[in-house]
Amino acid sequence: VRRVGKYLLANHRDRLVAMSARSVALRSLMRKTEADLRLKPNDDEVRRFATRVDYSMAAAAAIGFTPPTDVDHGLSLTADWSHAMGLVA
């Protein structure tokens, strides 16, 4: 869907704008599709999030930062959100 949208915008933007100006249904569909796509990561973001990275909390702890959520609770919240967004079954 992203690729088709990018192609259409790159090659037929004027037509899309004109068609959406005449059609409330098309304009609504385009807005909903854009909003849905903004909620879901693209392929590059998925690859980036799948990369193993470790961060030290030493610098944050040195200035007195204590995270409000521990890792287990944060992962649980993330899993719940992923299910609610339909990203995982």
C-alpha atoms as a PDB file:
ATOM      1  CA  VAL A   1       0.000   0.000   0.000  1.00  0.00           C
ATOM      2  CA  ARG A   2       2.858   2.372   0.828  1.00  0.00           C
ATOM      3  CA  ARG A   3       4.562   1.734  -2.509  1.00  0.00           C
ATOM      4  CA  VAL A   4       1.365   2.286  -4.469  1.00  0.00           C
ATOM      5  CA  GLY A   5       0.652   5.463  -2.517  1.00  0.00           C
ATOM      6  CA  LYS A   6       4.165   6.795  -3.112  1.00  0.00           C
ATOM      7  CA  TYR A   7       3.917   6.001  -6.819  1.00  0.00           C
ATOM      8  CA  LEU A   8       0.533   7.699  -7.137  1.00  0.00           C
ATOM      9  CA  LEU A   9       1.693  10.791  -5.265  1.00  0.00           C
ATOM     10  CA  ALA A  10       4.921  11.006  -7.269  1.00  0.00           C
ATOM     11  CA  ASN A  11       3.265  10.539 -10.659  1.00  0.00           C
ATOM     12  CA  HIS A  12      -0.394  11.533 -10.318  1.00  0.00           C
ATOM     13  CA  ARG A  13      -0.620  14.020  -7.441  1.00  0.00           C
ATOM     14  CA  ASP A  14      -2.674  16.571  -9.422  1.00  0.00           C
ATOM     15  CA  ARG A  15      -5.245  13.947 -10.430  1.00  0.00           C
ATOM     16  CA  LEU A  16      -5.519  12.612  -6.882  1.00  0.00           C
ATOM     17  CA  VAL A  17      -6.035  16.101  -5.483  1.00  0.00           C
ATOM     18  CA  ALA A  18      -8.699  16.854  -8.101  1.00  0.00           C
ATOM     19  CA  MET A  19     -10.478  13.526  -7.529  1.00  0.00           C
ATOM     20  CA  SER A  20     -10.427  13.881  -3.754  1.00  0.00           C
ATOM     21  CA  ALA A  21     -11.810  17.420  -4.070  1.00  0.00           C
ATOM     22  CA  ARG A  22     -14.853  16.009  -5.899  1.00  0.00           C
ATOM     23  CA  SER A  23     -15.354  12.871  -3.804  1.00  0.00           C
ATOM     24  CA  VAL A  24     -15.968  12.941  -0.068  1.00  0.00           C
ATOM     25  CA  ALA A  25     -15.711   9.131   0.031  1.00  0.00           C
ATOM     26  CA  LEU A  26     -12.311   9.114  -1.716  1.00  0.00           C
ATOM     27  CA  ARG A  27     -11.007  11.924   0.487  1.00  0.00           C
ATOM     28  CA  SER A  28     -12.157  10.036   3.588  1.00  0.00           C
ATOM     29  CA  LEU A  29     -10.567   6.784   2.366  1.00  0.00           C
ATOM     30  CA  MET A  30      -7.272   8.542   1.625  1.00  0.00           C
ATOM     31  CA  ARG A  31      -7.196  10.167   5.079  1.00  0.00           C
ATOM     32  CA  LYS A  32      -8.022   6.893   6.845  1.00  0.00           C
ATOM     33  CA  THR A  33      -5.382   5.001   4.885  1.00  0.00           C
ATOM     34  CA  GLU A  34      -2.754   7.625   5.680  1.00  0.00           C
ATOM     35  CA  ALA A  35      -3.674   7.573   9.378  1.00  0.00           C
ATOM     36  CA  ASP A  36      -3.495   3.753   9.457  1.00  0.00           C
ATOM     37  CA  LEU A  37      -0.099   3.736   7.740  1.00  0.00           C
ATOM     38  CA  ARG A  38       1.303   6.235  10.227  1.00  0.00           C
ATOM     39  CA  LEU A  39       0.480   3.821  13.072  1.00  0.00           C
ATOM     40  CA  LYS A  40       2.341   0.877  11.568  1.00  0.00           C
ATOM     41  CA  PRO A  41       6.116   0.721  11.092  1.00  0.00           C
ATOM     42  CA  ASN A  42       7.513   0.569   7.578  1.00  0.00           C
ATOM     43  CA  ASP A  43      10.040  -2.087   6.483  1.00  0.00           C
ATOM     44  CA  ASP A  44      13.062   0.057   7.418  1.00  0.00           C
ATOM     45  CA  GLU A  45      11.653   0.702  10.901  1.00  0.00           C
ATOM     46  CA  VAL A  46      10.971  -3.014  11.404  1.00  0.00           C
ATOM     47  CA  ARG A  47      14.590  -3.835  10.475  1.00  0.00           C
ATOM     48  CA  ARG A  48      15.858  -1.104  12.796  1.00  0.00           C
ATOM     49  CA  PHE A  49      13.709  -2.307  15.701  1.00  0.00           C
ATOM     50  CA  ALA A  50      14.847  -5.900  15.126  1.00  0.00           C
ATOM     51  CA  THR A  51      18.505  -4.933  15.610  1.00  0.00           C
ATOM     52  CA  ARG A  52      19.979  -6.009  18.934  1.00  0.00           C
ATOM     53  CA  VAL A  53      21.155  -2.976  20.902  1.00  0.00           C
ATOM     54  CA  ASP A  54      22.198  -2.678  24.534  1.00  0.00           C
ATOM     55  CA  TYR A  55      22.237   0.651  26.350  1.00  0.00           C
ATOM     56  CA  SER A  56      23.886   1.255  29.678  1.00  0.00           C
ATOM     57  CA  MET A  57      21.886   3.040  32.356  1.00  0.00           C
ATOM     58  CA  ALA A  58      25.093   4.160  34.073  1.00  0.00           C
ATOM     59  CA  ALA A  59      25.039   7.727  32.703  1.00  0.00           C
ATOM     60  CA  ALA A  60      21.358   8.160  33.540  1.00  0.00           C
ATOM     61  CA  ALA A  61      21.836   6.699  37.017  1.00  0.00           C
ATOM     62  CA  ALA A  62      24.818   9.007  37.574  1.00  0.00           C
ATOM     63  CA  ILE A  63      22.527  12.035  37.292  1.00  0.00           C
ATOM     64  CA  GLY A  64      19.859  10.447  39.465  1.00  0.00           C
ATOM     65  CA  PHE A  65      17.428   9.206  36.817  1.00  0.00           C
ATOM     66  CA  THR A  66      15.243   6.285  37.804  1.00  0.00           C
ATOM     67  CA  PRO A  67      12.941   4.939  35.086  1.00  0.00           C
ATOM     68  CA  PRO A  68       9.243   5.095  36.045  1.00  0.00           C
ATOM     69  CA  THR A  69       8.580   1.695  34.420  1.00  0.00           C
ATOM     70  CA  ASP A  70      10.683  -1.435  34.734  1.00  0.00           C
ATOM     71  CA  VAL A  71      11.580  -3.501  31.678  1.00  0.00           C
ATOM     72  CA  ASP A  72       9.085  -6.318  32.351  1.00  0.00           C
ATOM     73  CA  HIS A  73       6.158  -3.918  32.771  1.00  0.00           C
ATOM     74  CA  GLY A  74       7.256  -1.903  29.712  1.00  0.00           C
ATOM     75  CA  LEU A  75       7.401  -5.037  27.567  1.00  0.00           C
ATOM     76  CA  SER A  76       3.972  -6.086  28.820  1.00  0.00           C
ATOM     77  CA  LEU A  77       2.546  -2.680  27.870  1.00  0.00           C
ATOM     78  CA  THR A  78       4.225  -2.899  24.449  1.00  0.00           C
ATOM     79  CA  ALA A  79       2.766  -6.365  23.837  1.00  0.00           C
ATOM     80  CA  ASP A  80      -0.711  -5.156  24.829  1.00  0.00           C
ATOM     81  CA  TRP A  81      -0.406  -2.181  22.471  1.00  0.00           C
ATOM     82  CA  SER A  82       0.820  -4.402  19.614  1.00  0.00           C
ATOM     83  CA  HIS A  83      -2.213  -6.658  20.031  1.00  0.00           C
ATOM     84  CA  ALA A  84      -4.586  -3.678  20.221  1.00  0.00           C
ATOM     85  CA  MET A  85      -3.104  -2.229  17.003  1.00  0.00           C
ATOM     86  CA  GLY A  86      -3.444  -5.590  15.232  1.00  0.00           C
ATOM     87  CA  LEU A  87       0.314  -5.810  14.643  1.00  0.00           C
ATOM     88  CA  VAL A  88       0.468  -9.271  16.209  1.00  0.00           C
ATOM     89  CA  ALA A  89      -2.122 -11.977  16.722  1.00  0.00           C
END
